[in-house]
């Protein structure tokens, strides 16, 4: 939801920060200023949880559940470089579980159906790619889909998003009657208590509310770049050296 009326004093300040950052070529400051200006334009609806990195003295303990963790360009870890991760569950005391949503494997759904001994009515149903959801328990499958359906084992991430781990959802998908826009990931990413918060302070991640268009409608391999484009940020300008502005 956009605000009505002309620019406020805060908008002008934010734009000045952007201008100064560009002129000085402080790439990380430029990124932070763009996000700050975007927050103002959205009426602070976009809660950039990476603010812990910008304001490390804030005594807040946010939950990252139902957020997208977007790898900063400086994140060089081979598992998570240029990754986008859906946080399914997080609490400061218990840690976090997330599923990477933009790293397709060469495996297709027909292999999963065959392993589960599920017959498909239409071979085209098995052509979709399976994702690498993370480095933990890669033999474990997760189906991410829009809310709906009565499945044996399903976790509601938000009003519009569920993750299901039971065989019945795969059987429905094999018959062409599964949940809309569903995709399958093998494995997950896990963080112990406090680990994700530390990584946020180290500028490893940008955290944004889930955009269902990114999650369900954008091709897997385009998701990381699409998020930066939505924010109006040219990632080529961002320093590959992590730090605080």
Protein backbone atom coordinates (compact mmCIF):
# COMPACT_ATOMS: atom_id res chain seq x y z
CA UNK A 1 0.00 0.00 0.00
CA UNK A 2 1.52 3.30 -1.12
CA UNK A 3 1.13 6.57 0.77
CA UNK A 4 -0.75 9.47 -0.74
CA UNK A 5 0.57 13.01 -0.99
CA UNK A 6 3.95 14.47 -1.80
CA UNK A 7 7.35 13.60 -0.38
CA UNK A 8 7.89 14.15 3.33
CA UNK A 9 10.99 15.41 5.06
CA UNK A 10 11.95 11.79 5.79
CA UNK A 11 11.66 10.93 2.10
CA UNK A 12 13.95 13.83 1.21
CA UNK A 13 16.48 12.75 3.83
CA UNK A 14 16.42 9.18 2.50
CA UNK A 15 16.94 10.33 -1.08
CA UNK A 16 19.83 12.55 0.03
CA UNK A 17 21.46 9.55 1.71
CA UNK A 18 21.14 7.62 -1.56
CA UNK A 19 22.64 10.48 -3.56
CA UNK A 20 25.57 10.87 -1.18
CA UNK A 21 26.16 7.13 -1.15
CA UNK A 22 26.32 6.98 -4.93
CA UNK A 23 28.68 9.93 -5.13
CA UNK A 24 30.96 8.44 -2.49
CA UNK A 25 30.64 4.96 -3.98
CA UNK A 26 29.89 3.45 -0.57
CA UNK A 27 28.08 0.45 -1.93
CA UNK A 28 26.80 -1.02 1.32
CA UNK A 29 25.57 2.37 2.51
CA UNK A 30 23.83 2.73 -0.84
CA UNK A 31 22.03 -0.58 -0.28
CA UNK A 32 20.97 0.35 3.25
CA UNK A 33 19.71 3.74 2.12
CA UNK A 34 17.66 2.27 -0.71
CA UNK A 35 16.04 -0.16 1.71
CA UNK A 36 15.36 2.67 4.18
CA UNK A 37 13.71 4.76 1.46
CA UNK A 38 11.70 1.75 0.32
CA UNK A 39 10.47 1.21 3.87
CA UNK A 40 9.28 4.81 4.02
CA UNK A 41 7.47 4.52 0.70
CA UNK A 42 5.73 1.36 1.88
CA UNK A 43 4.70 2.97 5.15
CA UNK A 44 7.08 0.60 6.98
CA UNK A 45 4.98 -2.37 5.82
CA UNK A 46 8.20 -3.94 4.57
CA UNK A 47 9.84 -4.97 7.83
CA UNK A 48 13.44 -5.51 6.84
CA UNK A 49 14.55 -7.78 9.62
CA UNK A 50 18.13 -7.20 8.59
CA UNK A 51 17.80 -3.98 10.58
CA UNK A 52 19.61 -5.80 13.36
CA UNK A 53 22.67 -5.39 11.15
CA UNK A 54 21.98 -1.68 10.66
CA UNK A 55 21.14 -0.95 14.30
CA UNK A 56 23.00 -3.59 16.34
CA UNK A 57 22.12 -1.99 19.68
CA UNK A 58 18.36 -2.44 19.27
CA UNK A 59 17.00 -4.79 21.94
CA UNK A 60 14.62 -6.63 19.65
CA UNK A 61 14.28 -10.37 19.07
CA UNK A 62 12.27 -10.69 15.85
CA UNK A 63 10.90 -13.90 14.46
CA UNK A 64 11.85 -14.63 10.87
CA UNK A 65 9.02 -17.12 10.31
CA UNK A 66 7.27 -16.50 6.97
CA UNK A 67 10.21 -14.43 5.73
CA UNK A 68 12.50 -14.85 2.76
CA UNK A 69 16.19 -14.88 3.55
CA UNK A 70 17.98 -13.40 0.56
CA UNK A 71 21.70 -14.09 0.43
CA UNK A 72 23.74 -10.92 0.27
CA UNK A 73 26.17 -10.80 -2.68
CA UNK A 74 29.04 -11.08 -0.17
CA UNK A 75 27.84 -14.52 1.02
CA UNK A 76 30.34 -16.91 -0.54
CA UNK A 77 29.19 -20.19 1.06
CA UNK A 78 28.75 -22.65 -1.81
CA UNK A 79 25.50 -23.98 -0.35
CA UNK A 80 23.87 -20.57 0.03
CA UNK A 81 25.50 -18.18 -2.43
CA UNK A 82 22.74 -16.26 -4.28
CA UNK A 83 20.13 -18.33 -2.47
CA UNK A 84 16.60 -17.46 -1.39
CA UNK A 85 15.32 -19.37 1.65
CA UNK A 86 11.77 -19.62 2.93
CA UNK A 87 11.84 -19.62 6.75
CA UNK A 88 9.24 -22.15 7.86
CA UNK A 89 9.81 -21.84 11.58
CA UNK A 90 11.98 -19.65 13.79
CA UNK A 91 12.22 -18.63 17.41
CA UNK A 92 15.16 -16.96 19.14
CA UNK A 93 15.32 -19.77 21.69
CA UNK A 94 14.95 -22.78 19.37
CA UNK A 95 16.66 -21.68 16.16
CA UNK A 96 15.28 -21.84 12.63
CA UNK A 97 14.33 -24.20 9.82
CA UNK A 98 14.18 -22.99 6.24
CA UNK A 99 13.91 -24.37 2.72
CA UNK A 100 15.97 -22.98 -0.14
CA UNK A 101 13.58 -22.18 -2.99
CA UNK A 102 15.83 -21.34 -5.93
CA UNK A 103 18.39 -24.14 -6.31
CA UNK A 104 17.01 -26.78 -8.72
CA UNK A 105 18.58 -30.20 -8.93
CA UNK A 106 18.82 -32.21 -12.13
CA UNK A 107 16.26 -34.60 -10.61
CA UNK A 108 12.69 -34.39 -11.87
CA UNK A 109 9.42 -35.24 -10.14
CA UNK A 110 9.01 -38.50 -12.03
CA UNK A 111 11.99 -39.88 -10.10
CA UNK A 112 10.28 -38.96 -6.83
CA UNK A 113 7.02 -40.54 -7.99
CA UNK A 114 8.86 -43.70 -9.01
CA UNK A 115 10.65 -43.96 -5.67
CA UNK A 116 7.31 -43.53 -3.88
CA UNK A 117 5.70 -46.12 -6.21
CA UNK A 118 3.17 -43.59 -7.47
CA UNK A 119 1.64 -43.92 -10.93
CA UNK A 120 1.07 -40.77 -13.00
CA UNK A 121 -1.82 -40.32 -15.41
CA UNK A 122 0.12 -37.82 -17.49
CA UNK A 123 3.91 -38.10 -18.00
CA UNK A 124 4.08 -34.29 -18.15
CA UNK A 125 3.25 -34.20 -14.45
CA UNK A 126 6.68 -35.63 -13.70
CA UNK A 127 8.70 -33.13 -15.69
CA UNK A 128 9.04 -30.49 -12.98
CA UNK A 129 12.42 -30.03 -11.35
CA UNK A 130 13.05 -30.88 -7.70
CA UNK A 131 14.84 -28.31 -5.56
CA UNK A 132 17.76 -28.71 -3.21
CA UNK A 133 16.13 -27.38 -0.05
CA UNK A 134 19.34 -27.29 1.98
CA UNK A 135 22.25 -29.35 3.25
CA UNK A 136 20.43 -31.11 6.11
CA UNK A 137 18.59 -34.46 5.64
CA UNK A 138 18.62 -34.41 1.87
CA UNK A 139 16.66 -37.64 1.75
CA UNK A 140 13.69 -35.85 3.35
CA UNK A 141 11.14 -34.26 1.02
CA UNK A 142 9.05 -31.13 1.50
CA UNK A 143 6.17 -29.96 -0.67
CA UNK A 144 5.69 -26.18 -0.58
CA UNK A 145 2.28 -25.10 -1.81
CA UNK A 146 -0.56 -22.64 -1.45
CA UNK A 147 -2.83 -23.23 1.52
CA UNK A 148 -5.55 -25.81 1.12
CA UNK A 149 -6.17 -29.53 1.28
CA UNK A 150 -6.50 -32.01 4.11
CA UNK A 151 -3.06 -33.64 4.27
CA UNK A 152 -1.78 -36.09 6.85
CA UNK A 153 1.26 -34.04 7.85
CA UNK A 154 1.23 -30.36 6.97
CA UNK A 155 2.56 -27.18 8.57
CA UNK A 156 0.90 -23.82 7.98
CA UNK A 157 3.55 -21.16 7.52
CA UNK A 158 1.05 -18.37 6.87
CA UNK A 159 -2.54 -17.91 5.73
CA UNK A 160 -1.45 -18.55 2.16
CA UNK A 161 1.47 -20.99 2.42
CA UNK A 162 1.85 -24.54 3.68
CA UNK A 163 4.64 -27.09 3.69
CA UNK A 164 3.57 -30.74 3.62
CA UNK A 165 5.70 -33.82 4.21
CA UNK A 166 3.22 -36.71 3.91
CA UNK A 167 2.89 -39.15 1.01
CA UNK A 168 -0.71 -38.22 0.27
CA UNK A 169 0.18 -34.85 -1.21
CA UNK A 170 2.63 -36.48 -3.63
CA UNK A 171 -0.01 -39.05 -4.59
CA UNK A 172 -2.41 -36.21 -5.39
CA UNK A 173 0.25 -34.43 -7.45
CA UNK A 174 0.93 -37.61 -9.42
CA UNK A 175 -2.77 -37.77 -10.29
CA UNK A 176 -2.90 -34.10 -11.29
CA UNK A 177 -5.13 -33.14 -8.36
CA UNK A 178 -2.49 -31.80 -6.00
CA UNK A 179 -2.34 -28.31 -4.49
CA UNK A 180 -1.88 -25.34 -6.79
CA UNK A 181 1.67 -24.20 -7.62
CA UNK A 182 3.25 -26.95 -5.54
CA UNK A 183 6.95 -27.74 -5.77
CA UNK A 184 9.17 -30.29 -4.05
CA UNK A 185 12.44 -29.71 -2.21
CA UNK A 186 14.82 -32.27 -0.75
CA UNK A 187 16.60 -31.32 2.45
CA UNK A 188 16.45 -28.16 4.52
CA UNK A 189 18.60 -25.50 6.13
CA UNK A 190 18.86 -25.35 9.91
CA UNK A 191 20.18 -22.78 12.39
CA UNK A 192 20.77 -23.35 16.08
CA UNK A 193 19.46 -20.85 18.62
CA UNK A 194 21.04 -17.45 18.02
CA UNK A 195 22.92 -18.50 14.87
CA UNK A 196 20.63 -16.82 12.36
CA UNK A 197 20.60 -13.61 14.39
CA UNK A 198 24.42 -13.59 14.36
CA UNK A 199 24.48 -14.13 10.60
CA UNK A 200 22.06 -11.22 10.16
CA UNK A 201 24.39 -8.97 12.17
CA UNK A 202 27.23 -10.10 9.91
CA UNK A 203 25.25 -8.92 6.85
CA UNK A 204 24.97 -12.44 5.43
CA UNK A 205 21.24 -12.12 4.75
CA UNK A 206 18.53 -9.68 3.86
CA UNK A 207 15.16 -10.66 5.35
CA UNK A 208 11.92 -9.69 3.61
CA UNK A 209 8.26 -10.69 3.96
CA UNK A 210 7.31 -13.53 1.64
CA UNK A 211 6.19 -12.41 -1.80
CA UNK A 212 3.92 -15.15 -3.15
CA UNK A 213 4.63 -14.08 -6.72
CA UNK A 214 8.30 -14.83 -6.11
CA UNK A 215 7.47 -18.06 -4.26
CA UNK A 216 4.99 -19.55 -6.72
CA UNK A 217 5.14 -17.71 -10.06
CA UNK A 218 8.79 -16.80 -10.65
CA UNK A 219 11.09 -19.41 -12.25
CA UNK A 220 13.42 -20.98 -9.70
CA UNK A 221 16.64 -19.70 -11.23
CA UNK A 222 15.33 -16.09 -11.51
CA UNK A 223 14.18 -15.64 -7.92
CA UNK A 224 17.32 -14.14 -6.36
CA UNK A 225 17.78 -11.52 -9.07
CA UNK A 226 14.04 -10.83 -9.22
CA UNK A 227 13.97 -9.82 -5.56
CA UNK A 228 16.77 -7.30 -6.01
CA UNK A 229 15.06 -5.90 -9.11
CA UNK A 230 11.85 -5.44 -7.13
CA UNK A 231 13.81 -3.43 -4.57
CA UNK A 232 15.26 -1.28 -7.34
CA UNK A 233 18.80 -2.36 -6.52
CA UNK A 234 21.54 -3.18 -9.00
CA UNK A 235 23.41 -5.97 -7.22
CA UNK A 236 26.45 -5.34 -9.41
CA UNK A 237 26.95 -2.10 -7.44
CA UNK A 238 26.98 -3.76 -4.04
CA UNK A 239 30.36 -4.42 -2.46
CA UNK A 240 31.36 -8.06 -2.14
CA UNK A 241 33.05 -7.20 1.12
CA UNK A 242 30.68 -7.67 4.04
CA UNK A 243 30.63 -5.03 6.74
CA UNK A 244 28.60 -2.31 8.38
CA UNK A 245 28.14 1.12 6.87
